[in-house]
Amino acid sequence: MPDPFQSHADSALAPSTAPFAIQPDDASPLPTIPKGIYVGGGGTVVLRGVGGSADVTYRNLPDASYIAVRAQYVRATGTTATYLIAEA
């Protein structure tokens, strides 16, 4: 199928072209740094941003919300939100 946007450069503001499901893990980084994270089932997400030196906790996220952060890690410990999708 033709892609009319193929000649456009990718950027942090462009739509995701390679989304993937996130399996929170306390030790392993995400395989690709996403542009943001979609939260299908609300709750708490503990993560570390790509330039961060410490984890941060996003609390009380509603279903179908979006975290505009370039995360390197999404931690299993403390993360209660479900159906997390990396917008890569």
PDB file of N, CA and C in Angstrom:
ATOM      1  N   MET A   1       0.847  -1.157   0.000  1.00  0.00           N
ATOM      2  CA  MET A   1       0.000   0.000   0.000  1.00  0.00           C
ATOM      3  C   MET A   1       0.904   1.235   0.000  1.00  0.00           C
ATOM      4  N   PRO A   2       0.611   2.215  -0.824  1.00  0.00           N
ATOM      5  CA  PRO A   2       1.432   3.431  -0.852  1.00  0.00           C
ATOM      6  C   PRO A   2       1.323   4.210   0.459  1.00  0.00           C
ATOM      7  N   ASP A   3       2.423   4.808   0.860  1.00  0.00           N
ATOM      8  CA  ASP A   3       2.465   5.636   2.064  1.00  0.00           C
ATOM      9  C   ASP A   3       2.729   7.075   1.640  1.00  0.00           C
ATOM     10  N   PRO A   4       1.710   7.935   1.656  1.00  0.00           N
ATOM     11  CA  PRO A   4       1.908   9.310   1.210  1.00  0.00           C
ATOM     12  C   PRO A   4       2.817  10.123   2.130  1.00  0.00           C
ATOM     13  N   PHE A   5       3.143   9.594   3.296  1.00  0.00           N
ATOM     14  CA  PHE A   5       3.995  10.316   4.249  1.00  0.00           C
ATOM     15  C   PHE A   5       5.421   9.762   4.287  1.00  0.00           C
ATOM     16  N   GLN A   6       5.734   8.851   3.395  1.00  0.00           N
ATOM     17  CA  GLN A   6       7.039   8.194   3.384  1.00  0.00           C
ATOM     18  C   GLN A   6       8.193   9.181   3.264  1.00  0.00           C
ATOM     19  N   SER A   7       7.995  10.265   2.565  1.00  0.00           N
ATOM     20  CA  SER A   7       9.079  11.232   2.351  1.00  0.00           C
ATOM     21  C   SER A   7       9.226  12.225   3.503  1.00  0.00           C
ATOM     22  N   HIS A   8       8.323  12.170   4.473  1.00  0.00           N
ATOM     23  CA  HIS A   8       8.386  13.081   5.616  1.00  0.00           C
ATOM     24  C   HIS A   8       9.344  12.537   6.679  1.00  0.00           C
ATOM     25  N   ALA A   9      10.098  13.429   7.282  1.00  0.00           N
ATOM     26  CA  ALA A   9      11.027  13.026   8.345  1.00  0.00           C
ATOM     27  C   ALA A   9      10.261  12.656   9.612  1.00  0.00           C
ATOM     28  N   ASP A  10      10.767  11.661  10.315  1.00  0.00           N
ATOM     29  CA  ASP A  10      10.181  11.288  11.599  1.00  0.00           C
ATOM     30  C   ASP A  10      10.632  12.302  12.650  1.00  0.00           C
ATOM     31  N   SER A  11       9.777  12.568  13.622  1.00  0.00           N
ATOM     32  CA  SER A  11      10.118  13.489  14.707  1.00  0.00           C
ATOM     33  C   SER A  11       9.344  13.085  15.951  1.00  0.00           C
ATOM     34  N   ALA A  12       9.664  13.721  17.052  1.00  0.00           N
ATOM     35  CA  ALA A  12       8.959  13.434  18.306  1.00  0.00           C
ATOM     36  C   ALA A  12       7.483  13.804  18.217  1.00  0.00           C
ATOM     37  N   LEU A  13       7.131  14.704  17.312  1.00  0.00           N
ATOM     38  CA  LEU A  13       5.745  15.138  17.167  1.00  0.00           C
ATOM     39  C   LEU A  13       4.977  14.350  16.113  1.00  0.00           C
ATOM     40  N   ALA A  14       5.673  13.551  15.328  1.00  0.00           N
ATOM     41  CA  ALA A  14       5.024  12.765  14.281  1.00  0.00           C
ATOM     42  C   ALA A  14       4.306  11.561  14.892  1.00  0.00           C
ATOM     43  N   PRO A  15       3.295  11.047  14.207  1.00  0.00           N
ATOM     44  CA  PRO A  15       2.609   9.862  14.716  1.00  0.00           C
ATOM     45  C   PRO A  15       3.556   8.670  14.828  1.00  0.00           C
ATOM     46  N   SER A  16       3.199   7.766  15.692  1.00  0.00           N
ATOM     47  CA  SER A  16       3.982   6.548  15.885  1.00  0.00           C
ATOM     48  C   SER A  16       3.964   5.704  14.615  1.00  0.00           C
ATOM     49  N   THR A  17       5.112   5.129  14.279  1.00  0.00           N
ATOM     50  CA  THR A  17       5.182   4.239  13.118  1.00  0.00           C
ATOM     51  C   THR A  17       5.491   2.800  13.509  1.00  0.00           C
ATOM     52  N   ALA A  18       5.913   2.579  14.746  1.00  0.00           N
ATOM     53  CA  ALA A  18       6.276   1.224  15.185  1.00  0.00           C
ATOM     54  C   ALA A  18       5.877   0.995  16.641  1.00  0.00           C
ATOM     55  N   PRO A  19       4.569   1.089  16.963  1.00  0.00           N
ATOM     56  CA  PRO A  19       4.152   0.886  18.349  1.00  0.00           C
ATOM     57  C   PRO A  19       4.394  -0.558  18.788  1.00  0.00           C
ATOM     58  N   PHE A  20       4.625  -0.715  20.089  1.00  0.00           N
ATOM     59  CA  PHE A  20       4.800  -2.064  20.631  1.00  0.00           C
ATOM     60  C   PHE A  20       4.288  -2.112  22.061  1.00  0.00           C
ATOM     61  N   ALA A  21       3.855  -3.305  22.471  1.00  0.00           N
ATOM     62  CA  ALA A  21       3.367  -3.506  23.835  1.00  0.00           C
ATOM     63  C   ALA A  21       4.536  -3.429  24.810  1.00  0.00           C
ATOM     64  N   ILE A  22       4.290  -2.815  25.951  1.00  0.00           N
ATOM     65  CA  ILE A  22       5.311  -2.697  26.993  1.00  0.00           C
ATOM     66  C   ILE A  22       5.060  -3.752  28.056  1.00  0.00           C
ATOM     67  N   GLN A  23       6.098  -4.506  28.367  1.00  0.00           N
ATOM     68  CA  GLN A  23       6.084  -5.429  29.499  1.00  0.00           C
ATOM     69  C   GLN A  23       6.957  -4.789  30.572  1.00  0.00           C
ATOM     70  N   PRO A  24       6.357  -4.191  31.605  1.00  0.00           N
ATOM     71  CA  PRO A  24       7.180  -3.545  32.638  1.00  0.00           C
ATOM     72  C   PRO A  24       8.217  -4.506  33.213  1.00  0.00           C
ATOM     73  N   ASP A  25       9.414  -3.988  33.457  1.00  0.00           N
ATOM     74  CA  ASP A  25      10.532  -4.797  33.944  1.00  0.00           C
ATOM     75  C   ASP A  25      11.407  -3.907  34.818  1.00  0.00           C
ATOM     76  N   ASP A  26      11.836  -4.429  35.940  1.00  0.00           N
ATOM     77  CA  ASP A  26      12.632  -3.619  36.862  1.00  0.00           C
ATOM     78  C   ASP A  26      14.071  -3.409  36.413  1.00  0.00           C
ATOM     79  N   ALA A  27      14.593  -4.265  35.536  1.00  0.00           N
ATOM     80  CA  ALA A  27      16.008  -4.177  35.172  1.00  0.00           C
ATOM     81  C   ALA A  27      16.271  -3.865  33.703  1.00  0.00           C
ATOM     82  N   SER A  28      15.416  -4.346  32.817  1.00  0.00           N
ATOM     83  CA  SER A  28      15.679  -4.203  31.383  1.00  0.00           C
ATOM     84  C   SER A  28      15.078  -2.923  30.814  1.00  0.00           C
ATOM     85  N   PRO A  29      15.845  -2.210  29.984  1.00  0.00           N
ATOM     86  CA  PRO A  29      15.303  -1.019  29.333  1.00  0.00           C
ATOM     87  C   PRO A  29      14.330  -1.408  28.222  1.00  0.00           C
ATOM     88  N   LEU A  30      13.531  -0.463  27.787  1.00  0.00           N
ATOM     89  CA  LEU A  30      12.673  -0.697  26.634  1.00  0.00           C
ATOM     90  C   LEU A  30      13.559  -0.934  25.412  1.00  0.00           C
ATOM     91  N   PRO A  31      13.116  -1.754  24.459  1.00  0.00           N
ATOM     92  CA  PRO A  31      13.957  -2.039  23.296  1.00  0.00           C
ATOM     93  C   PRO A  31      14.181  -0.828  22.390  1.00  0.00           C
ATOM     94  N   THR A  32      13.236   0.097  22.396  1.00  0.00           N
ATOM     95  CA  THR A  32      13.312   1.334  21.623  1.00  0.00           C
ATOM     96  C   THR A  32      12.742   2.451  22.483  1.00  0.00           C
ATOM     97  N   ILE A  33      13.343   3.623  22.435  1.00  0.00           N
ATOM     98  CA  ILE A  33      12.815   4.767  23.190  1.00  0.00           C
ATOM     99  C   ILE A  33      11.566   5.280  22.473  1.00  0.00           C
ATOM    100  N   PRO A  34      10.409   5.243  23.133  1.00  0.00           N
ATOM    101  CA  PRO A  34       9.183   5.703  22.480  1.00  0.00           C
ATOM    102  C   PRO A  34       9.008   7.218  22.568  1.00  0.00           C
ATOM    103  N   LYS A  35       8.083   7.713  21.755  1.00  0.00           N
ATOM    104  CA  LYS A  35       7.715   9.133  21.779  1.00  0.00           C
ATOM    105  C   LYS A  35       6.780   9.415  22.949  1.00  0.00           C
ATOM    106  N   GLY A  36       6.110   8.396  23.411  1.00  0.00           N
ATOM    107  CA  GLY A  36       5.174   8.504  24.522  1.00  0.00           C
ATOM    108  C   GLY A  36       4.601   7.135  24.819  1.00  0.00           C
ATOM    109  N   ILE A  37       3.747   7.074  25.825  1.00  0.00           N
ATOM    110  CA  ILE A  37       3.163   5.804  26.245  1.00  0.00           C
ATOM    111  C   ILE A  37       1.651   5.953  26.350  1.00  0.00           C
ATOM    112  N   TYR A  38       0.932   5.047  25.676  1.00  0.00           N
ATOM    113  CA  TYR A  38      -0.515   4.965  25.796  1.00  0.00           C
ATOM    114  C   TYR A  38      -0.835   4.039  26.960  1.00  0.00           C
ATOM    115  N   VAL A  39      -1.769   4.453  27.811  1.00  0.00           N
ATOM    116  CA  VAL A  39      -2.186   3.670  28.979  1.00  0.00           C
ATOM    117  C   VAL A  39      -3.616   3.198  28.739  1.00  0.00           C
ATOM    118  N   GLY A  40      -3.782   1.913  28.438  1.00  0.00           N
ATOM    119  CA  GLY A  40      -5.112   1.382  28.167  1.00  0.00           C
ATOM    120  C   GLY A  40      -5.950   1.231  29.425  1.00  0.00           C
ATOM    121  N   GLY A  41      -5.356   0.671  30.466  1.00  0.00           N
ATOM    122  CA  GLY A  41      -6.041   0.487  31.745  1.00  0.00           C
ATOM    123  C   GLY A  41      -5.367   1.330  32.806  1.00  0.00           C
ATOM    124  N   GLY A  42      -6.099   2.237  33.385  1.00  0.00           N
ATOM    125  CA  GLY A  42      -5.536   3.230  34.298  1.00  0.00           C
ATOM    126  C   GLY A  42      -4.864   2.667  35.531  1.00  0.00           C
ATOM    127  N   GLY A  43      -4.136   3.540  36.201  1.00  0.00           N
ATOM    128  CA  GLY A  43      -3.414   3.163  37.411  1.00  0.00           C
ATOM    129  C   GLY A  43      -2.172   4.003  37.565  1.00  0.00           C
ATOM    130  N   THR A  44      -1.099   3.368  38.003  1.00  0.00           N
ATOM    131  CA  THR A  44       0.179   4.033  38.257  1.00  0.00           C
ATOM    132  C   THR A  44       1.231   3.481  37.304  1.00  0.00           C
ATOM    133  N   VAL A  45       2.115   4.364  36.814  1.00  0.00           N
ATOM    134  CA  VAL A  45       3.249   3.943  35.989  1.00  0.00           C
ATOM    135  C   VAL A  45       4.518   4.521  36.606  1.00  0.00           C
ATOM    136  N   VAL A  46       5.479   3.635  36.867  1.00  0.00           N
ATOM    137  CA  VAL A  46       6.791   4.044  37.367  1.00  0.00           C
ATOM    138  C   VAL A  46       7.768   3.894  36.210  1.00  0.00           C
ATOM    139  N   LEU A  47       8.470   4.993  35.889  1.00  0.00           N
ATOM    140  CA  LEU A  47       9.373   4.956  34.745  1.00  0.00           C
ATOM    141  C   LEU A  47      10.572   5.853  34.965  1.00  0.00           C
ATOM    142  N   ARG A  48      11.534   5.707  34.081  1.00  0.00           N
ATOM    143  CA  ARG A  48      12.687   6.608  34.056  1.00  0.00           C
ATOM    144  C   ARG A  48      12.802   7.151  32.639  1.00  0.00           C
ATOM    145  N   GLY A  49      12.839   8.465  32.522  1.00  0.00           N
ATOM    146  CA  GLY A  49      12.983   9.099  31.223  1.00  0.00           C
ATOM    147  C   GLY A  49      14.366   8.880  30.647  1.00  0.00           C
ATOM    148  N   VAL A  50      14.482   9.053  29.349  1.00  0.00           N
ATOM    149  CA  VAL A  50      15.733   8.792  28.647  1.00  0.00           C
ATOM    150  C   VAL A  50      16.887   9.630  29.193  1.00  0.00           C
ATOM    151  N   GLY A  51      16.625  10.811  29.695  1.00  0.00           N
ATOM    152  CA  GLY A  51      17.675  11.651  30.259  1.00  0.00           C
ATOM    153  C   GLY A  51      17.618  11.753  31.766  1.00  0.00           C
ATOM    154  N   GLY A  52      16.792  10.929  32.398  1.00  0.00           N
ATOM    155  CA  GLY A  52      16.598  11.016  33.843  1.00  0.00           C
ATOM    156  C   GLY A  52      17.647  10.264  34.634  1.00  0.00           C
ATOM    157  N   SER A  53      17.820  10.691  35.879  1.00  0.00           N
ATOM    158  CA  SER A  53      18.753  10.006  36.772  1.00  0.00           C
ATOM    159  C   SER A  53      18.020   9.258  37.883  1.00  0.00           C
ATOM    160  N   ALA A  54      16.694   9.385  37.910  1.00  0.00           N
ATOM    161  CA  ALA A  54      15.887   8.703  38.920  1.00  0.00           C
ATOM    162  C   ALA A  54      14.523   8.367  38.327  1.00  0.00           C
ATOM    163  N   ASP A  55      13.878   7.357  38.905  1.00  0.00           N
ATOM    164  CA  ASP A  55      12.534   6.990  38.483  1.00  0.00           C
ATOM    165  C   ASP A  55      11.532   8.038  38.954  1.00  0.00           C
ATOM    166  N   VAL A  56      10.440   8.162  38.203  1.00  0.00           N
ATOM    167  CA  VAL A  56       9.324   9.023  38.593  1.00  0.00           C
ATOM    168  C   VAL A  56       8.052   8.188  38.552  1.00  0.00           C
ATOM    169  N   THR A  57       7.055   8.612  39.316  1.00  0.00           N
ATOM    170  CA  THR A  57       5.797   7.881  39.404  1.00  0.00           C
ATOM    171  C   THR A  57       4.657   8.752  38.903  1.00  0.00           C
ATOM    172  N   TYR A  58       3.957   8.257  37.891  1.00  0.00           N
ATOM    173  CA  TYR A  58       2.741   8.899  37.388  1.00  0.00           C
ATOM    174  C   TYR A  58       1.576   8.183  38.061  1.00  0.00           C
ATOM    175  N   ARG A  59       0.831   8.901  38.887  1.00  0.00           N
ATOM    176  CA  ARG A  59      -0.252   8.300  39.667  1.00  0.00           C
ATOM    177  C   ARG A  59      -1.621   8.701  39.120  1.00  0.00           C
ATOM    178  N   ASN A  60      -2.595   7.864  39.407  1.00  0.00           N
ATOM    179  CA  ASN A  60      -4.002   8.138  39.102  1.00  0.00           C
ATOM    180  C   ASN A  60      -4.260   8.386  37.619  1.00  0.00           C
ATOM    181  N   LEU A  61      -3.548   7.669  36.763  1.00  0.00           N
ATOM    182  CA  LEU A  61      -3.780   7.800  35.323  1.00  0.00           C
ATOM    183  C   LEU A  61      -5.110   7.143  34.972  1.00  0.00           C
ATOM    184  N   PRO A  62      -5.957   7.808  34.195  1.00  0.00           N
ATOM    185  CA  PRO A  62      -7.223   7.201  33.804  1.00  0.00           C
ATOM    186  C   PRO A  62      -7.039   6.228  32.636  1.00  0.00           C
ATOM    187  N   ASP A  63      -8.057   5.401  32.404  1.00  0.00           N
ATOM    188  CA  ASP A  63      -8.064   4.545  31.222  1.00  0.00           C
ATOM    189  C   ASP A  63      -7.912   5.412  29.977  1.00  0.00           C
ATOM    190  N   ALA A  64      -7.278   4.854  28.964  1.00  0.00           N
ATOM    191  CA  ALA A  64      -7.129   5.500  27.654  1.00  0.00           C
ATOM    192  C   ALA A  64      -6.439   6.858  27.749  1.00  0.00           C
ATOM    193  N   SER A  65      -5.404   6.940  28.583  1.00  0.00           N
ATOM    194  CA  SER A  65      -4.652   8.193  28.703  1.00  0.00           C
ATOM    195  C   SER A  65      -3.305   8.055  28.008  1.00  0.00           C
ATOM    196  N   TYR A  66      -2.579   9.151  27.939  1.00  0.00           N
ATOM    197  CA  TYR A  66      -1.307   9.202  27.226  1.00  0.00           C
ATOM    198  C   TYR A  66      -0.283   9.920  28.093  1.00  0.00           C
ATOM    199  N   ILE A  67       0.906   9.332  28.208  1.00  0.00           N
ATOM    200  CA  ILE A  67       2.004   9.983  28.925  1.00  0.00           C
ATOM    201  C   ILE A  67       2.988  10.478  27.871  1.00  0.00           C
ATOM    202  N   ALA A  68       3.164  11.771  27.794  1.00  0.00           N
ATOM    203  CA  ALA A  68       4.075  12.372  26.814  1.00  0.00           C
ATOM    204  C   ALA A  68       5.481  12.394  27.399  1.00  0.00           C
ATOM    205  N   VAL A  69       6.146  11.235  27.355  1.00  0.00           N
ATOM    206  CA  VAL A  69       7.492  11.114  27.917  1.00  0.00           C
ATOM    207  C   VAL A  69       8.278  10.106  27.088  1.00  0.00           C
ATOM    208  N   ARG A  70       9.547  10.390  26.900  1.00  0.00           N
ATOM    209  CA  ARG A  70      10.442   9.452  26.213  1.00  0.00           C
ATOM    210  C   ARG A  70      11.111   8.600  27.286  1.00  0.00           C
ATOM    211  N   ALA A  71      10.503   7.473  27.587  1.00  0.00           N
ATOM    212  CA  ALA A  71      10.948   6.613  28.687  1.00  0.00           C
ATOM    213  C   ALA A  71      12.001   5.614  28.226  1.00  0.00           C
ATOM    214  N   GLN A  72      12.984   5.401  29.093  1.00  0.00           N
ATOM    215  CA  GLN A  72      13.983   4.366  28.838  1.00  0.00           C
ATOM    216  C   GLN A  72      13.614   3.080  29.572  1.00  0.00           C
ATOM    217  N   TYR A  73      12.998   3.222  30.749  1.00  0.00           N
ATOM    218  CA  TYR A  73      12.564   2.082  31.557  1.00  0.00           C
ATOM    219  C   TYR A  73      11.116   2.289  31.976  1.00  0.00           C
ATOM    220  N   VAL A  74      10.346   1.202  32.015  1.00  0.00           N
ATOM    221  CA  VAL A  74       9.050   1.168  32.683  1.00  0.00           C
ATOM    222  C   VAL A  74       9.169   0.045  33.699  1.00  0.00           C
ATOM    223  N   ARG A  75       9.110   0.404  34.969  1.00  0.00           N
ATOM    224  CA  ARG A  75       9.372  -0.545  36.059  1.00  0.00           C
ATOM    225  C   ARG A  75       8.149  -1.396  36.377  1.00  0.00           C
ATOM    226  N   ALA A  76       8.393  -2.661  36.687  1.00  0.00           N
ATOM    227  CA  ALA A  76       7.321  -3.556  37.118  1.00  0.00           C
ATOM    228  C   ALA A  76       6.875  -3.208  38.536  1.00  0.00           C
ATOM    229  N   THR A  77       7.849  -2.932  39.404  1.00  0.00           N
ATOM    230  CA  THR A  77       7.530  -2.594  40.788  1.00  0.00           C
ATOM    231  C   THR A  77       6.866  -1.226  40.831  1.00  0.00           C
ATOM    232  N   GLY A  78       5.642  -1.206  41.322  1.00  0.00           N
ATOM    233  CA  GLY A  78       4.902   0.041  41.451  1.00  0.00           C
ATOM    234  C   GLY A  78       3.984   0.352  40.291  1.00  0.00           C
ATOM    235  N   THR A  79       4.174  -0.294  39.142  1.00  0.00           N
ATOM    236  CA  THR A  79       3.304  -0.047  37.988  1.00  0.00           C
ATOM    237  C   THR A  79       2.066  -0.920  38.099  1.00  0.00           C
ATOM    238  N   THR A  80       0.903  -0.267  38.152  1.00  0.00           N
ATOM    239  CA  THR A  80      -0.367  -0.989  38.226  1.00  0.00           C
ATOM    240  C   THR A  80      -1.202  -0.798  36.968  1.00  0.00           C
ATOM    241  N   ALA A  81      -0.877   0.193  36.159  1.00  0.00           N
ATOM    242  CA  ALA A  81      -1.599   0.423  34.909  1.00  0.00           C
ATOM    243  C   ALA A  81      -1.369  -0.763  33.973  1.00  0.00           C
ATOM    244  N   THR A  82      -2.324  -1.003  33.087  1.00  0.00           N
ATOM    245  CA  THR A  82      -2.253  -2.153  32.185  1.00  0.00           C
ATOM    246  C   THR A  82      -2.396  -1.712  30.731  1.00  0.00           C
ATOM    247  N   TYR A  83      -2.146  -2.641  29.850  1.00  0.00           N
ATOM    248  CA  TYR A  83      -2.263  -2.408  28.402  1.00  0.00           C
ATOM    249  C   TYR A  83      -1.450  -1.190  27.965  1.00  0.00           C
ATOM    250  N   LEU A  84      -0.174  -1.191  28.343  1.00  0.00           N
ATOM    251  CA  LEU A  84       0.726  -0.094  28.000  1.00  0.00           C
ATOM    252  C   LEU A  84       1.281  -0.307  26.597  1.00  0.00           C
ATOM    253  N   ILE A  85       1.213   0.730  25.782  1.00  0.00           N
ATOM    254  CA  ILE A  85       1.718   0.684  24.411  1.00  0.00           C
ATOM    255  C   ILE A  85       2.744   1.792  24.228  1.00  0.00           C
ATOM    256  N   ALA A  86       3.936   1.417  23.778  1.00  0.00           N
ATOM    257  CA  ALA A  86       4.977   2.396  23.464  1.00  0.00           C
ATOM    258  C   ALA A  86       4.695   2.958  22.079  1.00  0.00           C
ATOM    259  N   GLU A  87       4.625   4.260  21.980  1.00  0.00           N
ATOM    260  CA  GLU A  87       4.403   4.939  20.702  1.00  0.00           C
ATOM    261  C   GLU A  87       5.765   5.259  20.101  1.00  0.00           C
ATOM    262  N   ALA A  88       6.362   4.275  19.432  1.00  0.00           N
ATOM    263  CA  ALA A  88       7.713   4.433  18.870  1.00  0.00           C
ATOM    264  C   ALA A  88       7.652   4.784  17.395  1.00  0.00           C
TER     265      ALA A  88
END
